[in-house]
Amino acid sequence: MGNVVSSEREVSVRFPRLVALNLVLLALSSPMLAQCPIGTVKVWGRVDNLQADSASSEVLVTLEMPKGGRSKTTSVSNGEFSVEIQFGTQSSPYFPLWGHRCNNVPKSVELKAMVGNRILGQVRLSFKDDFEPESSNIYRLKHELAIKASKEGG
């Protein structure tokens, strides 16, 4: 009977310690679960000199990021286009001393006006020079954009 009382005391002492340890581990690990916000780039403009047979024209927008790129295609309607592309802002892995680094933005934005696989015209924009913050992590063009389509394309 003495052994049973002894083991009950050990369990009653270990249980609060175990709960406390788990709570501390949970508190320390929760910042690692937090994520950086998603950024958005808004691009709009027009494609000049489109031919009548270019009804199925599209604009391919590519964000060139420090670690790869993101692309999105949008259709051209009446010579105009508009698109929003999202990107991750995390620039380095989580580290306990400084947490998350969430300052990743594109280096440049490339736009290609296309019909099928044929490139009609293209423009490359510097993100730093040609975009401005609209609100937190949302960026828009500073100026009007026009892509000049060449007659021969390509």
N, C-alpha and C. Protein backbone atom coordinates (compact mmCIF):
# COMPACT_ATOMS: atom_id res chain seq x y z
N MET A 1 0.81 -1.18 0.00
CA MET A 1 0.00 0.00 0.00
C MET A 1 0.86 1.25 0.00
N GLY A 2 2.00 1.18 0.65
CA GLY A 2 2.90 2.32 0.71
C GLY A 2 3.40 2.75 -0.66
N ASN A 3 3.65 1.77 -1.53
CA ASN A 3 4.11 2.08 -2.88
C ASN A 3 3.05 2.79 -3.70
N VAL A 4 1.78 2.46 -3.48
CA VAL A 4 0.69 3.08 -4.23
C VAL A 4 0.59 4.55 -3.86
N VAL A 5 0.70 4.91 -2.60
CA VAL A 5 0.62 6.30 -2.15
C VAL A 5 1.81 7.08 -2.71
N SER A 6 2.98 6.45 -2.70
CA SER A 6 4.18 7.09 -3.22
C SER A 6 4.04 7.41 -4.70
N SER A 7 3.52 6.48 -5.50
CA SER A 7 3.39 6.72 -6.94
C SER A 7 2.29 7.75 -7.22
N GLU A 8 1.24 7.82 -6.38
CA GLU A 8 0.21 8.84 -6.56
C GLU A 8 0.78 10.23 -6.33
N ARG A 9 1.68 10.36 -5.34
CA ARG A 9 2.32 11.65 -5.07
C ARG A 9 3.21 12.06 -6.25
N GLU A 10 3.95 11.11 -6.80
CA GLU A 10 4.81 11.40 -7.94
C GLU A 10 3.98 11.88 -9.12
N VAL A 11 2.86 11.22 -9.38
CA VAL A 11 1.98 11.62 -10.48
C VAL A 11 1.42 13.00 -10.23
N SER A 12 0.98 13.27 -8.99
CA SER A 12 0.39 14.57 -8.69
C SER A 12 1.43 15.69 -8.77
N VAL A 13 2.70 15.41 -8.52
CA VAL A 13 3.76 16.40 -8.64
C VAL A 13 4.18 16.56 -10.10
N ARG A 14 4.25 15.47 -10.83
CA ARG A 14 4.68 15.52 -12.24
C ARG A 14 3.64 16.16 -13.14
N PHE A 15 2.38 15.95 -12.88
CA PHE A 15 1.33 16.44 -13.77
C PHE A 15 1.35 17.97 -13.92
N PRO A 16 1.39 18.75 -12.82
CA PRO A 16 1.46 20.21 -12.99
C PRO A 16 2.74 20.66 -13.70
N ARG A 17 3.85 19.98 -13.43
CA ARG A 17 5.10 20.32 -14.13
C ARG A 17 4.98 20.05 -15.62
N LEU A 18 4.36 18.95 -15.97
CA LEU A 18 4.17 18.60 -17.37
C LEU A 18 3.27 19.62 -18.07
N VAL A 19 2.20 20.01 -17.40
CA VAL A 19 1.29 21.02 -17.96
C VAL A 19 2.03 22.34 -18.13
N ALA A 20 2.79 22.74 -17.13
CA ALA A 20 3.54 24.00 -17.20
C ALA A 20 4.56 23.96 -18.32
N LEU A 21 5.26 22.85 -18.48
CA LEU A 21 6.24 22.71 -19.54
C LEU A 21 5.57 22.82 -20.91
N ASN A 22 4.44 22.16 -21.08
CA ASN A 22 3.72 22.23 -22.36
C ASN A 22 3.24 23.65 -22.66
N LEU A 23 2.79 24.36 -21.64
CA LEU A 23 2.35 25.74 -21.84
C LEU A 23 3.51 26.64 -22.26
N VAL A 24 4.68 26.44 -21.64
CA VAL A 24 5.85 27.22 -22.01
C VAL A 24 6.26 26.92 -23.44
N LEU A 25 6.29 25.65 -23.81
CA LEU A 25 6.64 25.28 -25.19
C LEU A 25 5.65 25.84 -26.20
N LEU A 26 4.38 25.82 -25.87
CA LEU A 26 3.36 26.38 -26.75
C LEU A 26 3.55 27.88 -26.92
N ALA A 27 3.84 28.57 -25.82
CA ALA A 27 4.04 30.02 -25.88
C ALA A 27 5.26 30.38 -26.71
N LEU A 28 6.32 29.59 -26.60
CA LEU A 28 7.53 29.87 -27.37
C LEU A 28 7.39 29.52 -28.84
N SER A 29 6.58 28.52 -29.15
CA SER A 29 6.46 28.09 -30.54
C SER A 29 5.41 28.87 -31.31
N SER A 30 4.47 29.54 -30.64
CA SER A 30 3.40 30.22 -31.37
C SER A 30 3.89 31.32 -32.30
N PRO A 31 4.97 32.07 -31.98
CA PRO A 31 5.44 33.05 -32.96
C PRO A 31 5.92 32.41 -34.26
N MET A 32 6.39 31.18 -34.17
CA MET A 32 6.86 30.50 -35.38
C MET A 32 5.69 30.17 -36.30
N LEU A 33 4.50 30.06 -35.75
CA LEU A 33 3.34 29.75 -36.55
C LEU A 33 2.78 30.98 -37.26
N ALA A 34 3.07 32.16 -36.72
CA ALA A 34 2.59 33.39 -37.34
C ALA A 34 3.22 33.54 -38.72
N GLN A 35 2.50 34.17 -39.62
CA GLN A 35 3.00 34.34 -40.97
C GLN A 35 3.07 35.81 -41.33
N CYS A 36 3.89 36.11 -42.31
CA CYS A 36 3.97 37.46 -42.84
C CYS A 36 2.72 37.73 -43.68
N PRO A 37 2.34 39.00 -43.79
CA PRO A 37 1.17 39.32 -44.61
C PRO A 37 1.45 39.08 -46.09
N ILE A 38 0.41 38.92 -46.85
CA ILE A 38 0.50 38.77 -48.31
C ILE A 38 0.48 40.17 -48.92
N GLY A 39 1.38 40.43 -49.85
CA GLY A 39 1.40 41.70 -50.56
C GLY A 39 0.62 41.59 -51.86
N THR A 40 0.17 42.72 -52.38
CA THR A 40 -0.58 42.75 -53.63
C THR A 40 -0.05 43.88 -54.50
N VAL A 41 0.14 43.58 -55.78
CA VAL A 41 0.53 44.59 -56.77
C VAL A 41 -0.65 44.76 -57.72
N LYS A 42 -1.09 46.01 -57.89
CA LYS A 42 -2.17 46.34 -58.82
C LYS A 42 -1.56 46.98 -60.06
N VAL A 43 -1.87 46.39 -61.21
CA VAL A 43 -1.34 46.90 -62.48
C VAL A 43 -2.52 47.11 -63.42
N TRP A 44 -2.57 48.25 -64.05
CA TRP A 44 -3.60 48.53 -65.04
C TRP A 44 -2.96 49.37 -66.14
N GLY A 45 -3.55 49.33 -67.30
CA GLY A 45 -3.01 50.12 -68.41
C GLY A 45 -3.76 49.80 -69.69
N ARG A 46 -3.11 50.14 -70.79
CA ARG A 46 -3.72 49.88 -72.10
C ARG A 46 -2.65 49.35 -73.06
N VAL A 47 -3.14 48.72 -74.12
CA VAL A 47 -2.26 48.24 -75.18
C VAL A 47 -2.61 49.05 -76.41
N ASP A 48 -1.66 49.85 -76.88
CA ASP A 48 -1.87 50.70 -78.05
C ASP A 48 -1.55 49.95 -79.34
N ASN A 49 -2.19 50.34 -80.42
CA ASN A 49 -1.95 49.81 -81.77
C ASN A 49 -2.36 48.36 -81.94
N LEU A 50 -3.36 47.90 -81.20
CA LEU A 50 -3.84 46.53 -81.37
C LEU A 50 -4.54 46.39 -82.72
N GLN A 51 -4.25 45.33 -83.41
CA GLN A 51 -4.90 45.05 -84.69
C GLN A 51 -6.30 44.51 -84.45
N ALA A 52 -7.16 44.61 -85.46
CA ALA A 52 -8.54 44.14 -85.35
C ALA A 52 -8.59 42.64 -85.07
N ASP A 53 -7.62 41.88 -85.57
CA ASP A 53 -7.61 40.43 -85.36
C ASP A 53 -7.01 40.04 -84.00
N SER A 54 -6.77 41.01 -83.14
CA SER A 54 -6.17 40.75 -81.82
C SER A 54 -7.23 40.68 -80.73
N ALA A 55 -8.40 40.17 -81.07
CA ALA A 55 -9.49 40.11 -80.09
C ALA A 55 -9.15 39.22 -78.90
N SER A 56 -8.32 38.22 -79.10
CA SER A 56 -7.96 37.31 -78.01
C SER A 56 -6.64 37.71 -77.35
N SER A 57 -6.32 38.98 -77.35
CA SER A 57 -5.04 39.41 -76.77
C SER A 57 -5.10 39.38 -75.24
N GLU A 58 -3.93 39.14 -74.67
CA GLU A 58 -3.78 39.04 -73.22
C GLU A 58 -2.52 39.79 -72.81
N VAL A 59 -2.43 40.08 -71.52
CA VAL A 59 -1.21 40.65 -70.96
C VAL A 59 -0.72 39.70 -69.88
N LEU A 60 0.52 39.28 -70.01
CA LEU A 60 1.19 38.44 -69.01
C LEU A 60 1.99 39.37 -68.12
N VAL A 61 1.67 39.37 -66.82
CA VAL A 61 2.37 40.22 -65.85
C VAL A 61 3.21 39.31 -64.96
N THR A 62 4.50 39.62 -64.86
CA THR A 62 5.42 38.81 -64.05
C THR A 62 6.09 39.68 -63.01
N LEU A 63 5.92 39.31 -61.75
CA LEU A 63 6.65 39.96 -60.66
C LEU A 63 7.97 39.24 -60.49
N GLU A 64 9.07 39.95 -60.63
CA GLU A 64 10.37 39.34 -60.45
C GLU A 64 10.82 39.60 -59.02
N MET A 65 10.84 38.52 -58.24
CA MET A 65 11.12 38.58 -56.80
C MET A 65 12.57 38.16 -56.54
N PRO A 66 13.10 38.52 -55.37
CA PRO A 66 14.46 38.08 -55.04
C PRO A 66 14.62 36.56 -55.07
N LYS A 67 13.55 35.82 -54.77
CA LYS A 67 13.62 34.35 -54.77
C LYS A 67 12.62 33.78 -55.76
N GLY A 68 12.75 34.12 -57.03
CA GLY A 68 11.84 33.58 -58.04
C GLY A 68 10.85 34.63 -58.53
N GLY A 69 9.78 34.19 -59.14
CA GLY A 69 8.81 35.13 -59.69
C GLY A 69 7.40 34.59 -59.61
N ARG A 70 6.46 35.48 -59.84
CA ARG A 70 5.03 35.12 -59.87
C ARG A 70 4.44 35.75 -61.12
N SER A 71 3.61 35.00 -61.82
CA SER A 71 3.00 35.50 -63.05
C SER A 71 1.50 35.34 -63.01
N LYS A 72 0.84 36.21 -63.76
CA LYS A 72 -0.60 36.13 -63.91
C LYS A 72 -0.96 36.72 -65.27
N THR A 73 -1.92 36.10 -65.93
CA THR A 73 -2.37 36.55 -67.25
C THR A 73 -3.77 37.14 -67.12
N THR A 74 -3.98 38.24 -67.83
CA THR A 74 -5.30 38.87 -67.85
C THR A 74 -5.67 39.23 -69.28
N SER A 75 -6.94 39.24 -69.58
CA SER A 75 -7.37 39.55 -70.94
C SER A 75 -7.40 41.06 -71.16
N VAL A 76 -7.29 41.44 -72.43
CA VAL A 76 -7.37 42.84 -72.84
C VAL A 76 -8.76 43.06 -73.39
N SER A 77 -9.45 44.08 -72.89
CA SER A 77 -10.80 44.40 -73.34
C SER A 77 -10.83 45.87 -73.76
N ASN A 78 -11.20 46.12 -75.01
CA ASN A 78 -11.20 47.49 -75.56
C ASN A 78 -9.84 48.16 -75.39
N GLY A 79 -8.79 47.38 -75.52
CA GLY A 79 -7.44 47.91 -75.43
C GLY A 79 -6.93 48.14 -74.01
N GLU A 80 -7.74 47.80 -72.99
CA GLU A 80 -7.34 48.04 -71.61
C GLU A 80 -7.26 46.74 -70.81
N PHE A 81 -6.47 46.76 -69.75
CA PHE A 81 -6.33 45.59 -68.88
C PHE A 81 -6.15 46.05 -67.44
N SER A 82 -6.43 45.15 -66.53
CA SER A 82 -6.25 45.39 -65.10
C SER A 82 -6.03 44.05 -64.42
N VAL A 83 -5.09 44.00 -63.49
CA VAL A 83 -4.80 42.74 -62.80
C VAL A 83 -4.21 43.04 -61.42
N GLU A 84 -4.48 42.13 -60.48
CA GLU A 84 -3.88 42.18 -59.16
C GLU A 84 -3.13 40.87 -58.95
N ILE A 85 -1.88 40.97 -58.50
CA ILE A 85 -1.06 39.79 -58.26
C ILE A 85 -0.60 39.81 -56.81
N GLN A 86 -0.76 38.68 -56.14
CA GLN A 86 -0.32 38.58 -54.75
C GLN A 86 1.07 37.96 -54.68
N PHE A 87 1.80 38.33 -53.63
CA PHE A 87 3.14 37.78 -53.42
C PHE A 87 3.42 37.68 -51.93
N GLY A 88 4.32 36.78 -51.56
CA GLY A 88 4.71 36.61 -50.17
C GLY A 88 5.72 37.66 -49.76
N THR A 89 5.55 38.22 -48.57
CA THR A 89 6.46 39.27 -48.10
C THR A 89 7.57 38.75 -47.18
N GLN A 90 7.53 37.46 -46.83
CA GLN A 90 8.56 36.91 -45.94
C GLN A 90 9.90 36.88 -46.65
N SER A 91 10.90 37.53 -46.03
CA SER A 91 12.21 37.61 -46.66
C SER A 91 13.24 36.67 -46.05
N SER A 92 12.98 36.18 -44.83
CA SER A 92 13.89 35.21 -44.21
C SER A 92 13.10 34.36 -43.23
N PRO A 93 13.62 33.17 -42.91
CA PRO A 93 12.92 32.29 -41.98
C PRO A 93 12.81 32.92 -40.58
N TYR A 94 11.88 32.41 -39.81
CA TYR A 94 11.68 32.87 -38.44
C TYR A 94 12.95 32.66 -37.63
N PHE A 95 13.29 33.66 -36.82
CA PHE A 95 14.41 33.55 -35.89
C PHE A 95 13.96 34.18 -34.57
N PRO A 96 14.17 33.50 -33.42
CA PRO A 96 13.64 33.99 -32.14
C PRO A 96 14.09 35.40 -31.76
N LEU A 97 15.28 35.82 -32.14
CA LEU A 97 15.77 37.14 -31.74
C LEU A 97 15.05 38.29 -32.46
N TRP A 98 14.72 38.10 -33.74
CA TRP A 98 14.06 39.19 -34.47
C TRP A 98 12.72 38.80 -35.07
N GLY A 99 12.30 37.58 -34.86
CA GLY A 99 10.99 37.16 -35.35
C GLY A 99 10.97 36.97 -36.85
N HIS A 100 9.87 37.37 -37.45
CA HIS A 100 9.71 37.25 -38.90
C HIS A 100 10.24 38.50 -39.59
N ARG A 101 10.88 38.33 -40.70
CA ARG A 101 11.28 39.45 -41.56
C ARG A 101 10.30 39.48 -42.72
N CYS A 102 9.50 40.52 -42.79
CA CYS A 102 8.40 40.60 -43.77
C CYS A 102 8.58 41.82 -44.67
N ASN A 103 9.74 41.96 -45.29
CA ASN A 103 9.99 43.12 -46.12
C ASN A 103 10.32 42.76 -47.57
N ASN A 104 9.90 41.60 -48.02
CA ASN A 104 10.15 41.16 -49.38
C ASN A 104 9.18 41.86 -50.34
N VAL A 105 9.71 42.53 -51.36
CA VAL A 105 8.90 43.14 -52.42
C VAL A 105 9.53 42.79 -53.77
N PRO A 106 8.76 42.88 -54.84
CA PRO A 106 9.35 42.59 -56.16
C PRO A 106 10.48 43.56 -56.51
N LYS A 107 11.40 43.09 -57.35
CA LYS A 107 12.46 43.96 -57.87
C LYS A 107 11.95 44.70 -59.10
N SER A 108 11.21 43.97 -59.93
CA SER A 108 10.69 44.58 -61.15
C SER A 108 9.40 43.89 -61.55
N VAL A 109 8.69 44.52 -62.48
CA VAL A 109 7.45 43.97 -63.01
C VAL A 109 7.57 44.01 -64.53
N GLU A 110 7.39 42.85 -65.15
CA GLU A 110 7.47 42.76 -66.60
C GLU A 110 6.08 42.49 -67.16
N LEU A 111 5.70 43.21 -68.20
CA LEU A 111 4.39 43.05 -68.84
C LEU A 111 4.61 42.72 -70.30
N LYS A 112 3.91 41.70 -70.79
CA LYS A 112 3.99 41.30 -72.19
C LYS A 112 2.58 41.24 -72.76
N ALA A 113 2.32 42.03 -73.80
CA ALA A 113 1.05 41.94 -74.53
C ALA A 113 1.21 40.82 -75.54
N MET A 114 0.26 39.88 -75.55
CA MET A 114 0.40 38.69 -76.37
C MET A 114 -0.91 38.31 -77.06
N VAL A 115 -0.76 37.65 -78.21
CA VAL A 115 -1.86 36.94 -78.87
C VAL A 115 -1.33 35.53 -79.08
N GLY A 116 -1.90 34.58 -78.36
CA GLY A 116 -1.36 33.22 -78.39
C GLY A 116 0.05 33.24 -77.81
N ASN A 117 1.02 32.69 -78.57
CA ASN A 117 2.42 32.69 -78.13
C ASN A 117 3.20 33.87 -78.70
N ARG A 118 2.54 34.71 -79.49
CA ARG A 118 3.20 35.83 -80.16
C ARG A 118 3.21 37.06 -79.24
N ILE A 119 4.38 37.60 -78.99
CA ILE A 119 4.53 38.80 -78.16
C ILE A 119 4.36 40.03 -79.05
N LEU A 120 3.37 40.86 -78.73
CA LEU A 120 3.11 42.07 -79.49
C LEU A 120 3.92 43.26 -78.98
N GLY A 121 4.17 43.29 -77.69
CA GLY A 121 4.93 44.38 -77.08
C GLY A 121 5.21 44.04 -75.64
N GLN A 122 6.22 44.66 -75.06
CA GLN A 122 6.54 44.39 -73.66
C GLN A 122 7.15 45.61 -73.00
N VAL A 123 6.99 45.67 -71.68
CA VAL A 123 7.50 46.77 -70.86
C VAL A 123 8.04 46.16 -69.58
N ARG A 124 9.16 46.71 -69.11
CA ARG A 124 9.72 46.29 -67.82
C ARG A 124 9.74 47.51 -66.91
N LEU A 125 9.16 47.37 -65.72
CA LEU A 125 9.06 48.46 -64.77
C LEU A 125 9.89 48.16 -63.53
N SER A 126 10.56 49.17 -63.02
CA SER A 126 11.29 49.04 -61.75
C SER A 126 10.26 49.20 -60.63
N PHE A 127 10.21 48.22 -59.74
CA PHE A 127 9.23 48.29 -58.66
C PHE A 127 9.47 49.52 -57.79
N LYS A 128 10.70 49.79 -57.47
CA LYS A 128 11.07 50.90 -56.60
C LYS A 128 10.68 52.25 -57.21
N ASP A 129 10.87 52.39 -58.52
CA ASP A 129 10.63 53.67 -59.19
C ASP A 129 9.20 53.85 -59.69
N ASP A 130 8.53 52.76 -60.07
CA ASP A 130 7.24 52.88 -60.76
C ASP A 130 6.01 52.52 -59.93
N PHE A 131 6.21 52.06 -58.69
CA PHE A 131 5.08 51.69 -57.85
C PHE A 131 5.14 52.44 -56.52
N GLU A 132 3.96 52.63 -55.91
CA GLU A 132 3.87 53.31 -54.62
C GLU A 132 2.87 52.56 -53.75
N PRO A 133 3.01 52.69 -52.43
CA PRO A 133 2.05 52.03 -51.54
C PRO A 133 0.67 52.69 -51.64
N GLU A 134 -0.35 51.86 -51.75
CA GLU A 134 -1.72 52.35 -51.71
C GLU A 134 -2.24 52.25 -50.28
N SER A 135 -1.91 51.15 -49.63
CA SER A 135 -2.18 50.93 -48.22
C SER A 135 -1.17 49.87 -47.78
N SER A 136 -1.32 49.37 -46.58
CA SER A 136 -0.35 48.41 -46.07
C SER A 136 -0.26 47.17 -46.97
N ASN A 137 0.92 46.94 -47.54
CA ASN A 137 1.23 45.78 -48.39
C ASN A 137 0.43 45.73 -49.69
N ILE A 138 -0.14 46.84 -50.11
CA ILE A 138 -0.81 46.94 -51.42
C ILE A 138 -0.12 48.06 -52.19
N TYR A 139 0.34 47.72 -53.40
CA TYR A 139 1.10 48.66 -54.21
C TYR A 139 0.39 48.90 -55.54
N ARG A 140 0.47 50.14 -56.06
CA ARG A 140 -0.15 50.49 -57.34
C ARG A 140 0.85 51.29 -58.17
N LEU A 141 0.55 51.36 -59.46
CA LEU A 141 1.38 52.14 -60.37
C LEU A 141 1.32 53.62 -60.00
N LYS A 142 2.44 54.32 -60.20
CA LYS A 142 2.48 55.75 -59.96
C LYS A 142 1.96 56.55 -61.15
N HIS A 143 1.94 55.93 -62.32
CA HIS A 143 1.63 56.65 -63.54
C HIS A 143 0.83 55.76 -64.50
N GLU A 144 0.32 56.37 -65.55
CA GLU A 144 -0.42 55.64 -66.58
C GLU A 144 0.55 54.76 -67.36
N LEU A 145 0.07 53.60 -67.76
CA LEU A 145 0.92 52.65 -68.46
C LEU A 145 0.34 52.32 -69.83
N ALA A 146 1.18 52.36 -70.85
CA ALA A 146 0.76 51.96 -72.19
C ALA A 146 1.82 51.04 -72.77
N ILE A 147 1.37 49.90 -73.29
CA ILE A 147 2.26 48.96 -73.98
C ILE A 147 2.01 49.19 -75.47
N LYS A 148 3.05 49.48 -76.20
CA LYS A 148 2.90 49.71 -77.64
C LYS A 148 3.04 48.39 -78.38
N ALA A 149 1.97 47.97 -79.03
CA ALA A 149 1.99 46.71 -79.80
C ALA A 149 2.59 46.98 -81.17
N SER A 150 3.56 46.15 -81.55
CA SER A 150 4.15 46.28 -82.89
C SER A 150 3.24 45.58 -83.89
N LYS A 151 3.26 46.05 -85.11
CA LYS A 151 2.38 45.48 -86.14
C LYS A 151 2.75 44.04 -86.48
N GLU A 152 4.05 43.75 -86.51
CA GLU A 152 4.45 42.37 -86.85
C GLU A 152 4.43 41.45 -85.65
N GLY A 153 4.62 41.98 -84.44
CA GLY A 153 4.60 41.15 -83.23
C GLY A 153 5.72 40.16 -83.21
N GLY A 154 6.45 40.16 -82.13
CA GLY A 154 7.35 39.22 -82.00
C GLY A 154 8.60 38.77 -82.03
